[in-house]
Amino acid sequence: MPQITLAEAQQRVDDWIRDVGVRYFSELTNLAQLVEEVGEVARVMGRTHGEQSFKPSDRRVELADELADVLFVLICIANQTGVDLTEAFCRSLEKKTERDRDRHRRNEKLKGSQP
């Protein structure tokens, strides 16, 4: 399975936009697309892990494909707003680690069996 870094993913999306996509959609359009793609993830999750059933037209939809679509649009937004996702992700993980270092271990709701 190929492995790429976030920086490589950002560059590959940028290359794709230049070669195939003509140009980035506006930030607002990409935000709307991101929400739309997250909704598609929710649809798959609700039917796979929730109580809803698949419609015949939904049966071929794959969670991995929908998550990849979310990632693609997220990368588009990062690229066009100048966000280095590697740097941002590392900062976020540091923040969460510092803030939540012991919080989850002490959470009684998280003890016991896994769902």
Protein backbone atom coordinates (compact mmCIF):
# COMPACT_ATOMS: atom_id res chain seq x y z
CA MET A 1 0.00 0.00 0.00
CA PRO A 2 1.52 3.36 -0.97
CA GLN A 3 2.31 5.74 1.85
CA ILE A 4 2.47 9.50 1.49
CA THR A 5 2.96 12.31 3.93
CA LEU A 6 0.46 15.10 4.44
CA ALA A 7 2.84 17.43 2.61
CA GLU A 8 2.98 15.03 -0.34
CA ALA A 9 -0.81 14.76 -0.33
CA GLN A 10 -1.10 18.54 -0.39
CA GLN A 11 1.31 18.71 -3.33
CA ARG A 12 -0.46 15.92 -5.23
CA VAL A 13 -3.84 17.63 -4.82
CA ASP A 14 -2.33 20.92 -5.96
CA ASP A 15 -0.80 19.20 -9.00
CA TRP A 16 -4.15 17.55 -9.78
CA ILE A 17 -5.98 20.87 -9.55
CA ARG A 18 -3.50 22.46 -11.96
CA ASP A 19 -3.48 19.52 -14.42
CA VAL A 20 -7.10 18.35 -14.32
CA GLY A 21 -9.23 20.66 -12.22
CA VAL A 22 -8.33 23.93 -14.01
CA ARG A 23 -8.42 25.92 -10.72
CA TYR A 24 -9.55 25.66 -7.13
CA PHE A 25 -13.21 26.35 -6.43
CA SER A 26 -13.72 29.30 -4.11
CA GLU A 27 -13.18 28.69 -0.41
CA LEU A 28 -16.91 28.97 0.22
CA THR A 29 -17.71 26.46 -2.54
CA ASN A 30 -15.13 24.08 -1.09
CA LEU A 31 -16.65 24.49 2.36
CA ALA A 32 -20.04 23.54 0.91
CA GLN A 33 -18.42 20.54 -0.79
CA LEU A 34 -16.76 19.52 2.47
CA VAL A 35 -20.08 19.58 4.31
CA GLU A 36 -21.66 17.59 1.47
CA GLU A 37 -18.91 14.95 1.61
CA VAL A 38 -19.14 14.69 5.41
CA GLY A 39 -22.87 14.12 4.94
CA GLU A 40 -22.06 11.22 2.64
CA VAL A 41 -19.82 9.74 5.35
CA ALA A 42 -22.71 10.14 7.79
CA ARG A 43 -25.04 8.35 5.37
CA VAL A 44 -22.70 5.35 5.11
CA MET A 45 -22.10 5.24 8.86
CA GLY A 46 -25.82 5.50 9.63
CA ARG A 47 -26.56 2.57 7.35
CA THR A 48 -23.55 0.46 8.29
CA HIS A 49 -23.46 1.04 12.05
CA GLY A 50 -26.85 2.61 12.74
CA GLU A 51 -30.43 1.56 12.31
CA GLN A 52 -30.99 2.84 8.78
CA SER A 53 -30.99 0.40 5.88
CA PHE A 54 -29.28 0.84 2.54
CA LYS A 55 -31.28 1.84 -0.50
CA PRO A 56 -30.42 -0.19 -3.60
CA SER A 57 -28.56 2.85 -4.99
CA ASP A 58 -26.43 3.11 -1.80
CA ARG A 59 -25.19 -0.47 -1.71
CA ARG A 60 -22.00 0.15 -3.70
CA VAL A 61 -20.92 3.14 -1.63
CA GLU A 62 -17.73 2.53 0.35
CA LEU A 63 -16.80 4.33 3.56
CA ALA A 64 -13.15 4.52 2.45
CA ASP A 65 -14.14 6.33 -0.74
CA GLU A 66 -16.28 8.83 1.14
CA LEU A 67 -13.53 9.50 3.71
CA ALA A 68 -11.05 10.02 0.86
CA ASP A 69 -13.44 12.55 -0.70
CA VAL A 70 -13.55 14.43 2.63
CA LEU A 71 -9.76 14.40 2.79
CA PHE A 72 -9.42 15.66 -0.78
CA VAL A 73 -11.68 18.67 -0.18
CA LEU A 74 -10.05 19.36 3.19
CA ILE A 75 -6.67 19.41 1.47
CA CYS A 76 -8.05 21.78 -1.18
CA ILE A 77 -9.16 24.19 1.55
CA ALA A 78 -5.79 23.91 3.29
CA ASN A 79 -3.91 24.56 0.06
CA GLN A 80 -5.90 27.59 -0.96
CA THR A 81 -5.74 29.16 2.52
CA GLY A 82 -2.01 28.50 3.02
CA VAL A 83 -2.34 25.93 5.81
CA ASP A 84 0.49 23.43 6.22
CA LEU A 85 -1.47 20.37 7.36
CA THR A 86 1.59 18.61 8.76
CA GLU A 87 2.37 21.55 11.01
CA ALA A 88 -1.29 22.09 11.94
CA PHE A 89 -1.84 18.41 12.72
CA CYS A 90 1.26 18.21 14.91
CA ARG A 91 0.18 21.32 16.83
CA SER A 92 -3.30 19.88 17.27
CA LEU A 93 -1.96 16.57 18.57
CA GLU A 94 0.32 18.38 21.02
CA LYS A 95 -2.60 20.50 22.25
CA LYS A 96 -4.83 17.45 22.71
CA THR A 97 -2.08 15.50 24.45
CA GLU A 98 -1.42 18.32 26.92
CA ARG A 99 -5.10 19.03 27.54
CA ASP A 100 -6.29 15.43 27.72
CA ARG A 101 -3.21 13.71 29.17
CA ASP A 102 -5.16 12.20 32.10
CA ARG A 103 -8.74 13.20 31.38
CA HIS A 104 -9.66 10.12 29.35
CA ARG A 105 -7.98 7.70 31.77
CA ARG A 106 -10.11 9.13 34.58
CA ASN A 107 -13.34 9.01 32.55
CA GLU A 108 -15.50 6.25 34.05
CA LYS A 109 -17.54 6.11 30.84
CA LEU A 110 -14.47 4.91 28.94
CA LYS A 111 -13.63 2.07 31.33
CA GLY A 112 -14.86 -1.41 30.67
CA SER A 113 -15.74 -3.14 27.45
CA GLN A 114 -15.21 -1.65 24.02
CA PRO A 115 -18.30 -1.09 21.82
